[in-house]
Each structure stands twice: as C-alpha cells, then as structure tokens.
Amino acid sequence: MSLLTRIPRGRIPQAVLRKAYATVADVSGVKVAGIETGQPAATTSLTVVVKAGSRYETKPGVAHALKSFAYKSTSAGSALKTTRETELYGGVLSATLGREHLYLTAEFLRGDEAHFLSLLASVLSSTHFYPHEYAELVLPTLEAETLSAISSPTTLALDLAHQLAFRHGLGNSLFASPHSPVSVTDVKSFAQQAFAKSNIAVLGSGISTDALSKAVQKAFGSGSASGSSTLAPGSTKYFGGEQRVPLELHANPAAQPTMIIAYGSTSAPSPELKVLPHLLGGVSSVKWCDGASPLSQAAAKVPGASAEAIILPYSDASLFGVIISAPTSEGVAMVAKDVALALKAAGKGVKDDEVKRAIAKAKFADATASERVASLISTAGPALFSSGGVAAPDASFSALQKVSPTALGKAAKELFQPKPTIVAVGNLSVLPFGDELGL
C-alpha cells in the first residue's frame, strides 16, 4: 500500500495551522511580542528591532557602522566577555541591517532569555564606542562587507536600484563608502538618537508575550535607552532612472552579468502587488525542471540563466523588480528582451488559471515566512511598529483570494506606467538600454 493512501485526509485543526500570534504589549515604552508554536520549543529567538536602518542615517554609512559596533565593549563587559559567555550558553548572536530597521538577534536554549535580554539591553544602553575598537574591529568589517557587496553583481545592482528609485531615505546605501568617511563620534551620535525606547521593539519566537514582557521589564526597565527619537525620515517619492556598471571579473571570478528591471510605488504593497511576482515567477516549483511561468520560460532559453520577480515592501513604499543573470552579457540581453515582453503582457491582462496559481504561491510564501527565524524577523519585526500586532500566517489569505485577473492586470498596468528603474552590470557594449527594450 502506498504511503500516500495511509495519510489522513481529514480537515487539519486550525490550531495546528496557526501559531499563537500575540498582540503587542507595551513594557516601559518598549513594544513586545512573543510567538509560540503551540508545542514545547527547545530554543528561543529574541530580536531587538530598532528604527535605525539606512533610511534614517544622519551621514552616509553611519547605520552600517552602528550595525558593526554591535556586541563590542559595554558597561557589562568587553567584547571578548560577551563572546565567551555566549559560547558557554550555546547561543548565537547576530546583527542585520535593513533599509528601515536594525535587527539585533540572539538565539539560545529555552530558559536563558534573562541573560540574553540583559546582553541586548546593554548593547543599546551602554556600548562604549571605543576608538580603538572602531579602528581595529569595526572599520575592517565595514571595508570587507562593502567590498563583498560591490563584488556581487546582484547585491550591487539592488543597492543601485534603490538609489535610482528613491534617491534619498530608502535610496540610501546599506554599505559604508570610503568616499564618505564615518567617525566614531558620528556613530555614537547616531546611536544616541536611534536607541530611544520609542524606536525599539522586542520580538520573541518560542516564548509567550507574558514571559517575554516580564523579562523585558527586568532587562529594559531602568537600564536601557529612554526618551524619544529625533530621527524622522522624509516622505518617500519614486523617481526611476538607469545606471550601467562594468563588471570587474578579476574581483570575483564567479560573478555573473546581472540586470535589474524595477518599478516603485509610494505605498505598502497591495494584495495585487503581492501576487504579481508569483504570476511572473522565475523559480521552478520542481527542482531541475523548467518552470511554467513567463520568466522561467524566458530564462530556460539561455543555459545557466535565471530571471526572478521580487517585491520588496517598506512602510511607505514598495519596489517590484526582476533580477536577470546569466553566464554572459549576451545571455542577459536575450533574457531581458523576453522579460520586457512579459512585463508588458502582464499589464494588458492575465488569464484566470494563471492568477489562481499565483495566488496559491503567494499564500504559501506568506505562510512559510513565519516558519523561519530570518523571514519571521523581517516580516513580523516591522509590524510591531506599523500595525500594533503580529498577524497570523493565514491572515492575508482572504485578501489574496479576492485578487481577480482584472484587478491584477490593472495594478500591473499602473505600476509599469512611470519611468522604470534599470541597472545593468556586465559588458556595457552588449547589455541593452531601457529604451532598446521598449521600456
């Protein structure tokens, strides 16, 4: 008998499908939300979310420098002490910078939340910002990460696409530049403005909101930053534009020519825009097989090529784009022509069965985003500031289900009307300009 025939086909209880997504509690001015899976968890993940992304920086590169200063010497001990204690507890510390938020994350065995919350609180309230640590530890990290970014065509193209699309704010680079030096005084000043309680939220996975609130009260009650932040981003505007960068193959032999075609909007993504990347596709659902989506079919014509649609959501804007890469610039040019045709076709109308497939994929993407720590942080973290709660994985299903072919086609047409954002990295004598693609 096949194993498939023995699997129960009855209705799965809703409690199994849902995590216990909690509302946000306010603890001494700090927003707190704990998420439990409904089953005993062996590990816990805590993330301090700070409105200190690159859009808020007071000087180019200062947000990148602040991220790299995480877990250095504080009043609670040296960087070496922090490292050794974390190893003894079996934990992992990390810091991630986004365009709107800085994420300080600790992952550890369940029950050790008091220690790690105290550690995270000390990072916010009492980092010393020693000049020797900046020179010996932070600056080399900035240089290495910036070099890695410019050696990756996709990372470089995405960073440039944001600069072209939004110019300032969300257009600020995620990486420090040697052309705009940042001093330790600049970093300390930015931290004092960013680490205000009104700018901080704590997200926990594998821990209840009540338990997390008690731990936050103890760790953040009197020792963390206080007051209100003076960092205020301006309103976001979409501009668009085109930039072309030659690819230095000697810097990274594995780098492939890359092209990004993107369009921006000045609002958070609508259900239609969430479905659009899945309509165009680019990633096959079955490994080693060509996908059935328009972008998958376009990439399949060039061996080793890829074309993937993405949507990058922000609090007051969205950036939709297609990332094209291939072993050669000639291959990128061939795929780019078909991608341009696919974008135009999406704006003229879509078939009902294609929309149903895209909706199903969009639902799956929303649901799985809550199952992994990295994606949970990037989706639920910002929600602590914007909506006052963390939505259940299936909370968006009803809105996605209502997306119709007509509404999706209309949304695509409106999105593709303004000037596109186009970045080409590779052999510039071969890669096409936007007007050559009819965009």
Protein backbone atom coordinates (compact mmCIF):
# COMPACT_ATOMS: atom_id res chain seq x y z
CA MET A 1 0.00 0.00 0.00
CA SER A 2 1.30 3.44 -0.88
CA LEU A 3 2.25 5.71 1.97
CA LEU A 4 0.11 8.42 0.41
CA THR A 5 -3.04 6.34 0.82
CA ARG A 6 -2.40 5.99 4.54
CA ILE A 7 -2.13 9.72 5.19
CA PRO A 8 -5.32 11.01 6.86
CA ARG A 9 -7.18 13.34 4.56
CA GLY A 10 -9.47 14.88 7.16
CA ARG A 11 -9.55 18.55 7.98
CA ILE A 12 -6.47 19.73 9.82
CA PRO A 13 -7.37 21.59 13.03
CA GLN A 14 -6.90 25.32 12.73
CA ALA A 15 -4.79 25.28 15.90
CA VAL A 16 -2.23 23.18 14.09
CA LEU A 17 -2.07 25.57 11.15
CA ARG A 18 -1.74 28.67 13.30
CA LYS A 19 0.91 29.89 15.60
CA ALA A 20 -0.28 31.71 18.69
CA TYR A 21 0.33 35.15 17.24
CA ALA A 22 0.10 37.62 20.08
CA THR A 23 -0.83 41.24 20.24
CA VAL A 24 1.87 43.69 21.16
CA ALA A 25 2.40 44.60 24.80
CA ASP A 26 3.95 47.87 25.92
CA VAL A 27 6.58 47.39 28.60
CA SER A 28 8.18 50.57 29.91
CA GLY A 29 7.82 52.16 26.48
CA VAL A 30 9.17 49.14 24.59
CA LYS A 31 6.87 47.20 22.24
CA VAL A 32 6.97 43.46 22.95
CA ALA A 33 5.52 40.41 21.16
CA GLY A 34 6.19 36.75 21.83
CA ILE A 35 5.24 33.97 19.42
CA GLU A 36 4.84 30.34 20.45
CA THR A 37 4.40 27.41 18.11
CA GLY A 38 1.87 25.62 20.31
CA GLN A 39 4.43 22.92 21.06
CA PRO A 40 7.29 23.00 23.59
CA ALA A 41 10.26 24.67 21.90
CA ALA A 42 13.83 23.65 22.66
CA THR A 43 15.21 27.01 21.56
CA THR A 44 14.19 30.64 21.74
CA SER A 45 14.99 33.51 19.42
CA LEU A 46 14.89 37.13 20.59
CA THR A 47 15.29 40.10 18.28
CA VAL A 48 15.54 43.74 19.23
CA VAL A 49 14.14 45.71 16.30
CA VAL A 50 15.36 49.30 16.09
CA LYS A 51 14.28 52.02 13.68
CA ALA A 52 17.88 52.61 12.69
CA GLY A 53 18.03 51.42 9.09
CA SER A 54 19.94 53.22 6.38
CA ARG A 55 16.96 55.48 5.55
CA TYR A 56 17.33 57.13 8.97
CA GLU A 57 21.10 57.67 8.90
CA THR A 58 22.41 61.16 9.56
CA LYS A 59 25.55 60.56 7.49
CA PRO A 60 26.18 58.06 4.67
CA GLY A 61 27.40 54.76 6.10
CA VAL A 62 26.71 55.52 9.76
CA ALA A 63 23.95 52.88 10.02
CA HIS A 64 26.32 50.25 8.61
CA ALA A 65 28.94 51.29 11.18
CA LEU A 66 26.41 51.11 14.02
CA LYS A 67 25.43 47.59 13.00
CA SER A 68 29.09 46.56 13.04
CA PHE A 69 29.53 48.05 16.53
CA ALA A 70 27.02 45.56 17.98
CA TYR A 71 28.34 43.28 20.73
CA LYS A 72 31.51 45.28 21.30
CA SER A 73 32.53 46.54 24.76
CA THR A 74 29.72 47.74 27.04
CA SER A 75 29.45 48.57 30.73
CA ALA A 76 28.54 44.90 31.25
CA GLY A 77 31.87 43.69 29.87
CA SER A 78 34.23 43.52 26.93
CA ALA A 79 33.53 42.08 23.50
CA LEU A 80 35.60 39.05 24.50
CA LYS A 81 33.45 38.51 27.60
CA THR A 82 30.29 38.71 25.50
CA THR A 83 31.67 36.17 23.03
CA ARG A 84 32.85 33.72 25.69
CA GLU A 85 29.60 33.88 27.69
CA THR A 86 27.52 33.38 24.55
CA GLU A 87 29.58 30.31 23.69
CA LEU A 88 29.16 28.93 27.22
CA TYR A 89 25.39 29.33 26.93
CA GLY A 90 25.43 27.71 23.48
CA GLY A 91 23.87 30.78 21.91
CA VAL A 92 24.34 32.68 18.66
CA LEU A 93 24.38 36.47 18.28
CA SER A 94 23.86 38.32 15.02
CA ALA A 95 23.18 41.82 13.72
CA THR A 96 21.42 42.61 10.45
CA LEU A 97 20.86 45.96 8.78
CA GLY A 98 17.86 46.74 6.60
CA ARG A 99 16.77 49.94 4.94
CA GLU A 100 14.33 50.71 7.74
CA HIS A 101 15.45 48.66 10.72
CA LEU A 102 18.47 47.33 12.57
CA TYR A 103 17.97 43.81 13.95
CA LEU A 104 19.95 42.51 16.94
CA THR A 105 19.20 38.80 17.35
CA ALA A 106 20.06 36.22 19.99
CA GLU A 107 19.25 32.52 19.54
CA PHE A 108 19.70 30.21 22.51
CA LEU A 109 18.37 27.30 24.54
CA ARG A 110 14.98 27.91 26.10
CA GLY A 111 15.15 29.33 29.60
CA ASP A 112 18.17 31.59 29.06
CA GLU A 113 16.17 34.62 27.95
CA ALA A 114 17.04 36.70 31.03
CA HIS A 115 20.77 36.55 30.28
CA PHE A 116 20.45 37.36 26.59
CA LEU A 117 17.91 40.14 27.05
CA SER A 118 20.27 41.73 29.56
CA LEU A 119 23.05 41.44 26.99
CA LEU A 120 20.93 43.03 24.24
CA ALA A 121 19.85 45.82 26.59
CA SER A 122 23.48 46.60 27.40
CA VAL A 123 24.24 46.92 23.68
CA LEU A 124 21.54 49.59 23.40
CA SER A 125 22.29 51.48 26.58
CA SER A 126 25.99 51.24 27.34
CA THR A 127 28.13 50.45 24.30
CA HIS A 128 31.37 52.36 24.89
CA PHE A 129 32.18 53.11 21.24
CA TYR A 130 35.89 52.91 21.95
CA PRO A 131 38.06 54.46 19.20
CA HIS A 132 40.46 51.50 19.27
CA GLU A 133 37.58 49.04 18.69
CA TYR A 134 36.36 51.19 15.83
CA ALA A 135 39.79 51.23 14.21
CA GLU A 136 40.70 47.59 14.87
CA LEU A 137 37.35 45.79 14.60
CA VAL A 138 34.63 47.93 13.04
CA LEU A 139 36.46 49.59 10.13
CA PRO A 140 37.92 46.32 8.78
CA THR A 141 34.42 44.82 8.93
CA LEU A 142 32.95 47.77 7.04
CA GLU A 143 35.62 47.52 4.36
CA ALA A 144 35.19 43.76 3.97
CA GLU A 145 31.39 43.91 3.76
CA THR A 146 31.45 46.82 1.30
CA LEU A 147 34.00 45.03 -0.89
CA SER A 148 31.88 41.87 -0.78
CA ALA A 149 28.80 43.88 -1.81
CA ILE A 150 30.40 45.57 -4.81
CA SER A 151 31.89 42.21 -5.87
CA SER A 152 28.40 40.69 -6.02
CA PRO A 153 26.55 41.96 -9.12
CA THR A 154 23.12 41.20 -7.63
CA THR A 155 23.84 42.96 -4.32
CA LEU A 156 25.38 45.93 -6.12
CA ALA A 157 22.52 46.16 -8.60
CA LEU A 158 19.86 46.05 -5.86
CA ASP A 159 21.63 48.79 -3.92
CA LEU A 160 21.90 50.97 -7.02
CA ALA A 161 18.27 50.25 -7.93
CA HIS A 162 17.14 51.68 -4.59
CA GLN A 163 19.26 54.78 -5.12
CA LEU A 164 17.75 55.35 -8.56
CA ALA A 165 14.21 54.59 -7.45
CA PHE A 166 14.06 56.64 -4.24
CA ARG A 167 17.26 58.75 -4.22
CA HIS A 168 17.15 59.65 -0.54
CA GLY A 169 15.80 57.80 2.51
CA LEU A 170 15.10 54.33 1.16
CA GLY A 171 17.63 55.14 -1.54
CA ASN A 172 20.48 55.40 0.96
CA SER A 173 23.06 52.66 0.50
CA LEU A 174 23.24 49.82 3.02
CA PHE A 175 27.02 49.98 2.88
CA ALA A 176 29.59 52.49 4.04
CA SER A 177 31.76 54.08 1.37
CA PRO A 178 35.42 55.11 1.54
CA HIS A 179 34.37 58.28 -0.27
CA SER A 180 32.26 59.34 2.73
CA PRO A 181 34.25 58.56 5.89
CA VAL A 182 32.39 57.98 9.15
CA SER A 183 33.97 58.77 12.52
CA VAL A 184 33.34 57.04 15.82
CA THR A 185 31.76 60.30 17.02
CA ASP A 186 29.26 60.11 14.15
CA VAL A 187 28.33 56.55 15.13
CA LYS A 188 27.90 57.42 18.80
CA SER A 189 25.71 60.41 17.97
CA PHE A 190 23.52 58.32 15.66
CA ALA A 191 23.17 55.61 18.32
CA GLN A 192 22.04 58.14 20.92
CA GLN A 193 19.24 59.25 18.62
CA ALA A 194 18.29 55.78 17.38
CA PHE A 195 18.32 53.83 20.66
CA ALA A 196 15.32 55.63 22.17
CA LYS A 197 12.58 53.48 23.68
CA SER A 198 10.05 54.82 21.20
CA ASN A 199 12.28 53.36 18.48
CA ILE A 200 12.65 49.88 19.98
CA ALA A 201 10.59 46.70 19.84
CA VAL A 202 11.37 43.17 21.02
CA LEU A 203 10.19 40.13 19.07
CA GLY A 204 10.46 36.64 20.52
CA SER A 205 9.92 33.23 18.92
CA GLY A 206 9.43 30.20 21.14
CA ILE A 207 8.34 32.33 24.09
CA SER A 208 5.00 33.79 25.17
CA THR A 209 4.29 37.51 25.29
CA ASP A 210 3.72 37.34 29.06
CA ALA A 211 7.04 35.62 29.73
CA LEU A 212 8.86 37.94 27.36
CA SER A 213 7.25 41.03 28.89
CA LYS A 214 8.47 40.07 32.35
CA ALA A 215 11.99 39.50 31.07
CA VAL A 216 11.95 42.79 29.14
CA GLN A 217 10.69 44.66 32.20
CA LYS A 218 13.67 43.38 34.17
CA ALA A 219 16.26 43.97 31.45
CA PHE A 220 14.97 47.22 29.95
CA GLY A 221 13.18 48.70 32.94
CA SER A 222 15.75 51.23 34.00
CA GLY A 223 18.96 50.42 32.20
CA SER A 224 18.13 50.87 28.54
CA ALA A 225 17.80 53.93 26.41
CA SER A 226 14.97 56.31 27.13
CA GLY A 227 13.21 59.28 25.61
CA SER A 228 12.01 59.84 22.08
CA SER A 229 13.93 59.55 18.84
CA THR A 230 14.71 62.65 16.81
CA LEU A 231 15.24 60.62 13.64
CA ALA A 232 12.46 61.33 11.16
CA PRO A 233 12.60 60.24 7.51
CA GLY A 234 11.09 62.42 4.84
CA SER A 235 8.24 61.31 2.63
CA THR A 236 9.18 58.75 0.01
CA LYS A 237 8.99 59.62 -3.69
CA TYR A 238 9.61 57.36 -6.66
CA PHE A 239 11.86 58.67 -9.45
CA GLY A 240 13.31 55.85 -11.54
CA GLY A 241 16.34 56.03 -13.79
CA GLU A 242 19.08 53.98 -15.39
CA GLN A 243 22.63 53.13 -14.39
CA ARG A 244 25.23 50.93 -16.05
CA VAL A 245 28.30 49.49 -14.32
CA PRO A 246 31.09 47.43 -15.91
CA LEU A 247 31.69 44.04 -14.30
CA GLU A 248 35.18 43.50 -12.93
CA LEU A 249 35.66 39.77 -13.41
CA HIS A 250 39.06 39.77 -11.70
CA ALA A 251 37.46 40.83 -8.40
CA ASN A 252 35.10 37.85 -8.33
CA PRO A 253 35.55 35.13 -10.98
CA ALA A 254 32.20 33.58 -10.01
CA ALA A 255 30.27 36.81 -10.65
CA GLN A 256 27.74 36.77 -13.47
CA PRO A 257 26.48 39.70 -15.53
CA THR A 258 23.24 40.95 -13.99
CA MET A 259 20.41 43.25 -14.91
CA ILE A 260 17.53 44.55 -12.80
CA ILE A 261 14.33 45.99 -14.21
CA ALA A 262 12.26 47.55 -11.43
CA TYR A 263 9.30 49.80 -10.73
CA GLY A 264 8.42 51.51 -7.48
CA SER A 265 5.31 52.76 -5.71
CA THR A 266 4.83 55.09 -2.77
CA SER A 267 2.66 52.79 -0.70
CA ALA A 268 2.94 49.44 1.02
CA PRO A 269 2.27 46.55 -1.38
CA SER A 270 -1.37 45.81 -2.12
CA PRO A 271 -2.63 42.20 -2.40
CA GLU A 272 -2.35 42.56 -6.19
CA LEU A 273 1.31 43.56 -5.98
CA LYS A 274 1.98 40.63 -3.64
CA VAL A 275 0.54 38.27 -6.23
CA LEU A 276 2.28 39.85 -9.25
CA PRO A 277 5.79 38.40 -8.61
CA HIS A 278 4.29 34.92 -8.36
CA LEU A 279 2.37 35.47 -11.59
CA LEU A 280 5.58 36.28 -13.45
CA GLY A 281 7.50 33.68 -11.45
CA GLY A 282 11.05 32.75 -12.27
CA VAL A 283 11.65 29.96 -9.76
CA SER A 284 10.51 26.45 -10.66
CA SER A 285 8.43 24.54 -8.12
CA VAL A 286 10.22 21.33 -9.14
CA LYS A 287 13.99 21.11 -8.97
CA TRP A 288 15.86 20.56 -12.24
CA CYS A 289 12.71 21.34 -14.24
CA ASP A 290 11.90 24.48 -16.20
CA GLY A 291 9.03 26.35 -14.60
CA ALA A 292 5.81 27.18 -16.41
CA SER A 293 5.83 30.87 -15.52
CA PRO A 294 6.74 33.54 -18.12
CA LEU A 295 10.10 34.37 -16.52
CA SER A 296 11.03 30.71 -16.12
CA GLN A 297 10.34 30.15 -19.79
CA ALA A 298 12.41 33.20 -20.72
CA ALA A 299 15.40 32.05 -18.66
CA ALA A 300 15.18 28.49 -20.00
CA LYS A 301 16.21 29.71 -23.46
CA VAL A 302 19.71 30.55 -22.18
CA PRO A 303 21.67 27.80 -20.37
CA GLY A 304 22.59 28.86 -16.85
CA ALA A 305 20.38 31.96 -16.91
CA SER A 306 17.82 32.99 -14.31
CA ALA A 307 15.08 35.60 -14.11
CA GLU A 308 13.19 36.07 -10.86
CA ALA A 309 10.47 38.55 -9.90
CA ILE A 310 10.62 40.07 -6.41
CA ILE A 311 8.66 42.56 -4.32
CA LEU A 312 10.45 44.50 -1.59
CA PRO A 313 7.93 46.01 0.85
CA TYR A 314 8.55 49.03 3.07
CA SER A 315 6.38 51.05 5.44
CA ASP A 316 5.54 53.70 2.84
CA ALA A 317 6.80 52.27 -0.44
CA SER A 318 7.35 49.13 -2.49
CA LEU A 319 9.90 48.13 -5.09
CA PHE A 320 8.91 45.49 -7.61
CA GLY A 321 11.66 44.12 -9.80
CA VAL A 322 13.01 41.33 -11.96
CA ILE A 323 16.58 40.16 -11.39
CA ILE A 324 18.19 38.71 -14.52
CA SER A 325 21.55 36.95 -14.56
CA ALA A 326 23.39 34.69 -16.99
CA PRO A 327 26.92 33.41 -17.59
CA THR A 328 27.41 36.01 -20.33
CA SER A 329 26.17 39.53 -21.01
CA GLU A 330 24.81 38.28 -24.35
CA GLY A 331 22.67 35.81 -22.41
CA VAL A 332 21.38 38.53 -20.10
CA ALA A 333 20.44 40.66 -23.11
CA MET A 334 18.46 37.79 -24.65
CA VAL A 335 16.55 37.09 -21.44
CA ALA A 336 15.94 40.80 -20.79
CA LYS A 337 14.06 41.14 -24.09
CA ASP A 338 11.66 38.35 -23.13
CA VAL A 339 11.29 39.77 -19.61
CA ALA A 340 10.29 43.14 -21.05
CA LEU A 341 7.65 41.42 -23.18
CA ALA A 342 6.35 39.53 -20.13
CA LEU A 343 6.00 42.77 -18.16
CA LYS A 344 4.06 44.40 -20.98
CA ALA A 345 1.81 41.36 -21.30
CA ALA A 346 1.02 41.40 -17.58
CA GLY A 347 -0.19 44.98 -17.90
CA LYS A 348 -2.53 44.07 -20.75
CA GLY A 349 -4.34 41.26 -18.95
CA VAL A 350 -3.86 37.84 -17.39
CA LYS A 351 -5.67 34.52 -17.50
CA ASP A 352 -7.81 33.26 -14.65
CA ASP A 353 -5.90 30.00 -14.17
CA GLU A 354 -2.58 31.89 -14.05
CA VAL A 355 -3.95 34.15 -11.32
CA LYS A 356 -5.16 31.17 -9.29
CA ARG A 357 -1.69 29.64 -9.47
CA ALA A 358 -0.08 32.92 -8.44
CA ILE A 359 -2.48 33.36 -5.51
CA ALA A 360 -1.67 29.87 -4.23
CA LYS A 361 2.05 30.62 -4.40
CA ALA A 362 1.55 33.98 -2.65
CA LYS A 363 -0.33 32.26 0.17
CA PHE A 364 2.42 29.69 0.54
CA ALA A 365 5.07 32.43 0.64
CA ASP A 366 3.20 34.33 3.37
CA ALA A 367 2.70 31.17 5.42
CA THR A 368 6.29 29.96 5.20
CA ALA A 369 7.64 33.41 6.08
CA SER A 370 6.58 32.74 9.67
CA GLU A 371 8.30 29.35 9.84
CA ARG A 372 11.89 30.56 9.54
CA VAL A 373 13.59 32.87 12.01
CA ALA A 374 15.18 35.13 9.36
CA SER A 375 11.96 35.73 7.41
CA LEU A 376 9.91 35.99 10.61
CA ILE A 377 12.15 38.79 11.83
CA SER A 378 11.93 40.75 8.57
CA THR A 379 8.12 40.47 8.35
CA ALA A 380 6.90 40.46 11.95
CA GLY A 381 9.52 42.88 13.28
CA PRO A 382 8.36 45.94 11.31
CA ALA A 383 4.72 45.02 12.06
CA LEU A 384 5.36 45.78 15.74
CA PHE A 385 5.68 49.45 14.80
CA SER A 386 3.13 49.70 12.00
CA SER A 387 0.08 47.64 12.99
CA GLY A 388 0.39 47.09 16.73
CA GLY A 389 0.32 43.32 16.33
CA VAL A 390 1.76 40.33 14.52
CA ALA A 391 -0.69 38.77 12.09
CA ALA A 392 -1.24 35.03 11.86
CA PRO A 393 0.32 33.32 8.82
CA ASP A 394 -3.05 32.98 7.11
CA ALA A 395 -4.28 36.49 7.94
CA SER A 396 -3.60 37.70 4.39
CA PHE A 397 -5.29 34.73 2.71
CA SER A 398 -8.73 36.32 2.37
CA ALA A 399 -7.32 39.48 0.75
CA LEU A 400 -5.15 37.45 -1.62
CA GLN A 401 -8.08 35.21 -2.55
CA LYS A 402 -10.08 38.26 -3.67
CA VAL A 403 -7.47 39.24 -6.27
CA SER A 404 -9.10 38.99 -9.69
CA PRO A 405 -7.49 38.90 -13.15
CA THR A 406 -8.95 42.33 -13.89
CA ALA A 407 -7.65 43.89 -10.67
CA LEU A 408 -4.23 42.29 -11.10
CA GLY A 409 -3.92 43.48 -14.69
CA LYS A 410 -4.95 47.00 -13.68
CA ALA A 411 -2.43 47.07 -10.81
CA ALA A 412 0.34 45.87 -13.13
CA LYS A 413 -0.53 48.48 -15.76
CA GLU A 414 -0.44 51.29 -13.18
CA LEU A 415 2.83 50.03 -11.71
CA PHE A 416 4.56 49.90 -15.11
CA GLN A 417 3.47 53.39 -16.24
CA PRO A 418 6.18 55.53 -14.53
CA LYS A 419 9.82 55.59 -15.60
CA PRO A 420 11.45 52.21 -14.91
CA THR A 421 14.50 51.68 -12.74
CA ILE A 422 17.12 49.78 -14.73
CA VAL A 423 20.56 48.69 -13.55
CA ALA A 424 22.97 46.78 -15.78
CA VAL A 425 26.19 45.19 -14.51
CA GLY A 426 28.38 43.50 -17.10
CA ASN A 427 29.67 44.14 -20.61
CA LEU A 428 28.12 47.53 -21.31
CA SER A 429 28.67 47.25 -25.05
CA VAL A 430 26.30 44.27 -25.08
CA LEU A 431 23.73 44.89 -22.34
CA PRO A 432 20.68 46.77 -23.67
CA PHE A 433 19.44 50.17 -22.58
CA GLY A 434 15.90 50.52 -21.27
CA ASP A 435 14.56 52.18 -24.42
CA GLU A 436 16.02 49.36 -26.51
CA LEU A 437 13.78 47.01 -24.54
CA GLY A 438 10.77 49.22 -25.18
CA LEU A 439 10.53 50.26 -21.52
